[in-house]
């Protein structure tokens, strides 16, 4: 290729500029790296009948989940300073069950 301009943009020049990653394709973003663990955890939670609020953080939620859907629904309310924690969930579930079983309705 004597007398060839390397910056001409022809197919041969484009092939020279290709670089390969020896470790395979890299994760594109940090979000995609987190999703590598969050997506399977989200699917397992959904298969167990639990609806996480978001895909992000599903792996952490799955690892810490003890009380099922009630905990998944109320985990954003946990606040040690206000005195509400995971230990209160059974009491809240009992209160919900009593309210559902009662004849009282908020609207007549």
N, C-alpha and C. Protein backbone atom coordinates (compact mmCIF):
# COMPACT_ATOMS: atom_id res chain seq x y z
N UNK A 1 0.82 -1.17 0.00
CA UNK A 1 0.00 0.00 0.00
C UNK A 1 0.88 1.25 0.00
N UNK A 2 1.73 1.33 -0.92
CA UNK A 2 2.56 2.52 -1.01
C UNK A 2 1.76 3.67 -1.59
N UNK A 3 2.03 4.85 -1.09
CA UNK A 3 1.34 6.04 -1.57
C UNK A 3 -0.09 6.15 -1.07
N UNK A 4 -0.46 5.36 -0.04
CA UNK A 4 -1.82 5.36 0.47
C UNK A 4 -1.93 6.34 1.64
N UNK A 5 -2.98 7.14 1.65
CA UNK A 5 -3.23 8.08 2.75
C UNK A 5 -3.93 7.32 3.88
N UNK A 6 -3.30 7.16 5.08
CA UNK A 6 -3.91 6.37 6.15
C UNK A 6 -5.17 7.00 6.73
N UNK A 7 -5.41 8.26 6.50
CA UNK A 7 -6.60 8.90 7.05
C UNK A 7 -7.71 9.06 6.02
N UNK A 8 -7.69 8.26 4.96
CA UNK A 8 -8.67 8.45 3.89
C UNK A 8 -10.06 7.96 4.26
N UNK A 9 -10.18 7.05 5.22
CA UNK A 9 -11.49 6.56 5.63
C UNK A 9 -11.98 5.37 4.83
N UNK A 10 -11.12 4.77 4.05
CA UNK A 10 -11.54 3.58 3.28
C UNK A 10 -11.72 2.39 4.23
N UNK A 11 -12.28 1.33 3.73
CA UNK A 11 -12.58 0.15 4.54
C UNK A 11 -11.31 -0.43 5.17
N UNK A 12 -10.23 -0.46 4.44
CA UNK A 12 -8.96 -0.98 4.95
C UNK A 12 -8.46 -0.16 6.12
N UNK A 13 -8.58 1.17 6.03
CA UNK A 13 -8.15 2.03 7.14
C UNK A 13 -9.03 1.84 8.36
N UNK A 14 -10.32 1.63 8.14
CA UNK A 14 -11.22 1.39 9.27
C UNK A 14 -10.88 0.08 9.97
N UNK A 15 -10.53 -0.95 9.19
CA UNK A 15 -10.17 -2.23 9.80
C UNK A 15 -8.91 -2.11 10.64
N UNK A 16 -7.99 -1.26 10.27
CA UNK A 16 -6.76 -1.08 11.03
C UNK A 16 -7.03 -0.46 12.40
N UNK A 17 -8.10 0.30 12.51
CA UNK A 17 -8.36 1.01 13.76
C UNK A 17 -9.20 0.19 14.76
N UNK A 18 -9.64 -1.00 14.39
CA UNK A 18 -10.45 -1.83 15.28
C UNK A 18 -9.58 -2.38 16.40
N UNK A 19 -10.10 -2.30 17.63
CA UNK A 19 -9.40 -2.86 18.79
C UNK A 19 -10.34 -3.86 19.47
N UNK A 20 -9.78 -4.95 19.93
CA UNK A 20 -10.56 -5.98 20.60
C UNK A 20 -10.16 -6.06 22.06
N UNK A 21 -11.15 -6.29 22.91
CA UNK A 21 -10.91 -6.48 24.33
C UNK A 21 -10.69 -7.97 24.56
N UNK A 22 -9.53 -8.38 25.06
CA UNK A 22 -9.26 -9.81 25.23
C UNK A 22 -10.13 -10.47 26.29
N UNK A 23 -10.74 -9.70 27.20
CA UNK A 23 -11.58 -10.27 28.25
C UNK A 23 -13.05 -10.33 27.85
N UNK A 24 -13.37 -10.03 26.64
CA UNK A 24 -14.76 -10.06 26.19
C UNK A 24 -15.40 -8.70 26.33
N UNK A 25 -16.68 -8.63 26.05
CA UNK A 25 -17.36 -7.33 26.11
C UNK A 25 -17.41 -6.81 27.55
N UNK A 26 -17.16 -5.54 27.70
CA UNK A 26 -17.19 -4.90 29.02
C UNK A 26 -18.59 -4.37 29.30
N UNK A 27 -18.93 -4.30 30.57
CA UNK A 27 -20.21 -3.69 30.94
C UNK A 27 -20.17 -2.22 30.54
N UNK A 28 -21.24 -1.74 29.97
CA UNK A 28 -21.24 -0.38 29.42
C UNK A 28 -21.28 0.69 30.50
N UNK A 29 -22.07 0.49 31.51
CA UNK A 29 -22.23 1.52 32.54
C UNK A 29 -22.27 0.86 33.91
N UNK A 30 -22.15 1.69 34.93
CA UNK A 30 -22.27 1.17 36.29
C UNK A 30 -23.67 0.63 36.55
N UNK A 31 -24.67 1.26 35.94
CA UNK A 31 -26.04 0.78 36.10
C UNK A 31 -26.18 -0.63 35.57
N UNK A 32 -25.61 -0.91 34.43
CA UNK A 32 -25.69 -2.26 33.86
C UNK A 32 -24.95 -3.26 34.73
N UNK A 33 -23.86 -2.85 35.36
CA UNK A 33 -23.14 -3.76 36.26
C UNK A 33 -24.00 -4.10 37.47
N UNK A 34 -24.70 -3.09 38.02
CA UNK A 34 -25.60 -3.36 39.15
C UNK A 34 -26.75 -4.25 38.71
N UNK A 35 -27.25 -4.04 37.51
CA UNK A 35 -28.36 -4.84 37.02
C UNK A 35 -27.98 -6.30 36.86
N UNK A 36 -26.69 -6.59 36.70
CA UNK A 36 -26.27 -7.99 36.59
C UNK A 36 -26.67 -8.77 37.83
N UNK A 37 -26.73 -8.12 38.98
CA UNK A 37 -27.17 -8.79 40.21
C UNK A 37 -28.62 -8.46 40.54
N UNK A 38 -29.06 -7.23 40.22
CA UNK A 38 -30.42 -6.81 40.58
C UNK A 38 -31.50 -7.48 39.73
N UNK A 39 -31.27 -7.67 38.45
CA UNK A 39 -32.30 -8.25 37.58
C UNK A 39 -32.66 -9.69 37.98
N UNK A 40 -31.67 -10.58 38.21
CA UNK A 40 -32.05 -11.93 38.65
C UNK A 40 -32.74 -11.92 40.02
N UNK A 41 -32.28 -11.05 40.93
CA UNK A 41 -32.92 -10.96 42.25
C UNK A 41 -34.36 -10.46 42.11
N UNK A 42 -34.59 -9.49 41.24
CA UNK A 42 -35.93 -8.97 41.00
C UNK A 42 -36.83 -10.09 40.47
N UNK A 43 -36.31 -10.88 39.53
CA UNK A 43 -37.10 -11.99 38.97
C UNK A 43 -37.43 -13.03 40.04
N UNK A 44 -36.47 -13.35 40.92
CA UNK A 44 -36.73 -14.32 41.99
C UNK A 44 -37.78 -13.78 42.96
N UNK A 45 -37.69 -12.50 43.31
CA UNK A 45 -38.68 -11.91 44.20
C UNK A 45 -40.07 -11.94 43.58
N UNK A 46 -40.17 -11.61 42.28
CA UNK A 46 -41.46 -11.64 41.59
C UNK A 46 -42.01 -13.07 41.55
N UNK A 47 -41.14 -14.05 41.33
CA UNK A 47 -41.59 -15.45 41.32
C UNK A 47 -42.10 -15.88 42.69
N UNK A 48 -41.56 -15.27 43.76
CA UNK A 48 -42.01 -15.58 45.12
C UNK A 48 -43.26 -14.78 45.50
N UNK A 49 -43.77 -13.97 44.58
CA UNK A 49 -44.97 -13.20 44.83
C UNK A 49 -44.74 -11.85 45.50
N UNK A 50 -43.50 -11.39 45.52
CA UNK A 50 -43.17 -10.12 46.14
C UNK A 50 -42.92 -9.10 45.05
N UNK A 51 -43.50 -7.90 45.20
CA UNK A 51 -43.34 -6.84 44.21
C UNK A 51 -42.39 -5.78 44.75
N UNK A 52 -41.11 -5.81 44.36
CA UNK A 52 -40.20 -4.74 44.78
C UNK A 52 -40.61 -3.40 44.16
N UNK A 53 -40.26 -2.33 44.83
CA UNK A 53 -40.60 -1.00 44.32
C UNK A 53 -39.84 -0.68 43.04
N UNK A 54 -38.58 -1.14 42.94
CA UNK A 54 -37.73 -0.85 41.79
C UNK A 54 -36.86 -2.07 41.50
N UNK A 55 -36.32 -2.11 40.29
CA UNK A 55 -35.33 -3.13 39.96
C UNK A 55 -34.04 -2.82 40.70
N UNK A 56 -33.65 -1.54 40.71
CA UNK A 56 -32.44 -1.14 41.41
C UNK A 56 -32.57 -1.45 42.89
N UNK A 57 -31.59 -2.13 43.45
CA UNK A 57 -31.59 -2.47 44.86
C UNK A 57 -32.31 -3.76 45.19
N UNK A 58 -32.77 -4.50 44.19
CA UNK A 58 -33.50 -5.75 44.44
C UNK A 58 -32.62 -6.80 45.09
N UNK A 59 -31.34 -6.84 44.74
CA UNK A 59 -30.44 -7.83 45.34
C UNK A 59 -30.27 -7.55 46.83
N UNK A 60 -30.14 -6.29 47.19
CA UNK A 60 -30.01 -5.93 48.60
C UNK A 60 -31.31 -6.22 49.35
N UNK A 61 -32.43 -5.92 48.73
CA UNK A 61 -33.73 -6.20 49.34
C UNK A 61 -33.91 -7.69 49.57
N UNK A 62 -33.56 -8.50 48.56
CA UNK A 62 -33.69 -9.95 48.67
C UNK A 62 -32.84 -10.49 49.81
N UNK A 63 -31.64 -9.95 49.96
CA UNK A 63 -30.73 -10.43 51.00
C UNK A 63 -31.22 -10.08 52.40
N UNK A 64 -31.94 -8.98 52.53
CA UNK A 64 -32.36 -8.55 53.86
C UNK A 64 -33.83 -8.83 54.18
N UNK A 65 -34.58 -9.37 53.25
CA UNK A 65 -36.02 -9.56 53.41
C UNK A 65 -36.33 -10.70 54.38
N UNK A 66 -37.13 -10.40 55.39
CA UNK A 66 -37.51 -11.41 56.39
C UNK A 66 -39.02 -11.60 56.42
N UNK A 67 -39.78 -10.50 56.30
CA UNK A 67 -41.22 -10.52 56.50
C UNK A 67 -42.04 -10.45 55.22
N UNK A 68 -41.44 -10.70 54.08
CA UNK A 68 -42.20 -10.77 52.83
C UNK A 68 -42.64 -9.43 52.28
N UNK A 69 -43.82 -9.44 51.66
CA UNK A 69 -44.32 -8.27 50.94
C UNK A 69 -44.51 -7.06 51.85
N UNK A 70 -44.94 -7.29 53.09
CA UNK A 70 -45.14 -6.16 54.00
C UNK A 70 -43.84 -5.40 54.21
N UNK A 71 -42.76 -6.12 54.37
CA UNK A 71 -41.47 -5.47 54.55
C UNK A 71 -41.04 -4.77 53.27
N UNK A 72 -41.28 -5.38 52.11
CA UNK A 72 -40.93 -4.76 50.84
C UNK A 72 -41.71 -3.46 50.65
N UNK A 73 -42.96 -3.44 51.09
CA UNK A 73 -43.78 -2.23 50.95
C UNK A 73 -43.37 -1.13 51.92
N UNK A 74 -42.92 -1.51 53.12
CA UNK A 74 -42.68 -0.52 54.17
C UNK A 74 -41.21 -0.23 54.44
N UNK A 75 -40.27 -0.85 53.72
CA UNK A 75 -38.86 -0.68 54.05
C UNK A 75 -38.40 0.77 53.93
N UNK A 76 -39.05 1.56 53.09
CA UNK A 76 -38.66 2.96 52.97
C UNK A 76 -39.12 3.78 54.19
N UNK A 77 -39.95 3.21 55.05
CA UNK A 77 -40.43 3.90 56.23
C UNK A 77 -39.58 3.65 57.47
N UNK A 78 -38.66 2.69 57.40
CA UNK A 78 -37.85 2.35 58.58
C UNK A 78 -37.00 3.55 58.97
N UNK A 79 -37.10 3.92 60.23
CA UNK A 79 -36.34 5.05 60.74
C UNK A 79 -36.12 4.82 62.22
N UNK A 80 -34.88 4.59 62.60
CA UNK A 80 -34.57 4.29 64.00
C UNK A 80 -34.88 5.48 64.90
N UNK A 81 -34.71 6.70 64.40
CA UNK A 81 -34.97 7.88 65.22
C UNK A 81 -36.46 8.02 65.55
N UNK A 82 -37.32 7.59 64.63
CA UNK A 82 -38.76 7.67 64.86
C UNK A 82 -39.31 6.42 65.52
N UNK A 83 -38.46 5.41 65.68
CA UNK A 83 -38.87 4.21 66.39
C UNK A 83 -39.60 3.18 65.57
N UNK A 84 -39.45 3.18 64.25
CA UNK A 84 -40.09 2.17 63.40
C UNK A 84 -39.02 1.34 62.73
N UNK A 85 -39.04 0.03 62.97
CA UNK A 85 -38.01 -0.85 62.41
C UNK A 85 -38.64 -2.15 61.93
N UNK A 86 -37.81 -3.05 61.45
CA UNK A 86 -38.28 -4.36 60.96
C UNK A 86 -38.99 -5.15 62.07
N UNK A 87 -38.60 -4.89 63.30
CA UNK A 87 -39.21 -5.62 64.43
C UNK A 87 -40.69 -5.28 64.59
N UNK A 88 -41.13 -4.15 64.06
CA UNK A 88 -42.53 -3.72 64.19
C UNK A 88 -43.45 -4.32 63.13
N UNK A 89 -42.90 -4.96 62.13
CA UNK A 89 -43.72 -5.44 61.01
C UNK A 89 -44.75 -6.48 61.44
N UNK A 90 -44.42 -7.47 62.28
CA UNK A 90 -45.47 -8.42 62.70
C UNK A 90 -46.65 -7.73 63.39
N UNK A 91 -46.37 -6.71 64.21
CA UNK A 91 -47.43 -5.96 64.88
C UNK A 91 -48.30 -5.22 63.86
N UNK A 92 -47.66 -4.64 62.85
CA UNK A 92 -48.40 -3.92 61.81
C UNK A 92 -49.26 -4.90 61.00
N UNK A 93 -48.72 -6.09 60.69
CA UNK A 93 -49.48 -7.09 59.95
C UNK A 93 -50.70 -7.55 60.75
N UNK A 94 -50.55 -7.71 62.06
CA UNK A 94 -51.68 -8.09 62.90
C UNK A 94 -52.75 -7.00 62.88
N UNK A 95 -52.32 -5.75 62.95
CA UNK A 95 -53.27 -4.63 62.91
C UNK A 95 -54.02 -4.59 61.59
N UNK A 96 -53.32 -4.83 60.49
CA UNK A 96 -53.97 -4.86 59.19
C UNK A 96 -55.00 -5.99 59.12
N UNK A 97 -54.64 -7.16 59.64
CA UNK A 97 -55.55 -8.31 59.62
C UNK A 97 -56.80 -8.02 60.46
N UNK A 98 -56.61 -7.40 61.62
CA UNK A 98 -57.76 -7.05 62.47
C UNK A 98 -58.66 -6.04 61.77
N UNK A 99 -58.07 -5.07 61.11
CA UNK A 99 -58.86 -4.05 60.41
C UNK A 99 -59.65 -4.65 59.26
N UNK A 100 -59.05 -5.58 58.54
CA UNK A 100 -59.75 -6.23 57.43
C UNK A 100 -60.88 -7.10 57.93
N UNK A 101 -60.70 -7.74 59.09
CA UNK A 101 -61.72 -8.64 59.63
C UNK A 101 -62.88 -7.88 60.27
N UNK A 102 -62.66 -6.66 60.65
CA UNK A 102 -63.73 -5.90 61.32
C UNK A 102 -64.77 -5.43 60.30
N UNK A 103 -65.93 -5.07 60.82
CA UNK A 103 -67.02 -4.59 59.98
C UNK A 103 -66.92 -3.10 59.71
N UNK A 104 -66.00 -2.42 60.40
CA UNK A 104 -65.87 -0.97 60.26
C UNK A 104 -65.38 -0.61 58.88
N UNK A 105 -65.97 0.39 58.29
CA UNK A 105 -65.55 0.91 56.99
C UNK A 105 -65.41 2.42 57.10
N UNK A 106 -64.40 3.02 56.53
CA UNK A 106 -64.19 4.46 56.66
C UNK A 106 -65.25 5.29 55.93
N UNK A 107 -65.89 4.72 54.92
CA UNK A 107 -66.91 5.44 54.16
C UNK A 107 -68.22 4.67 54.26
N UNK A 108 -69.27 5.40 54.55
CA UNK A 108 -70.57 4.74 54.72
C UNK A 108 -71.23 4.50 53.38
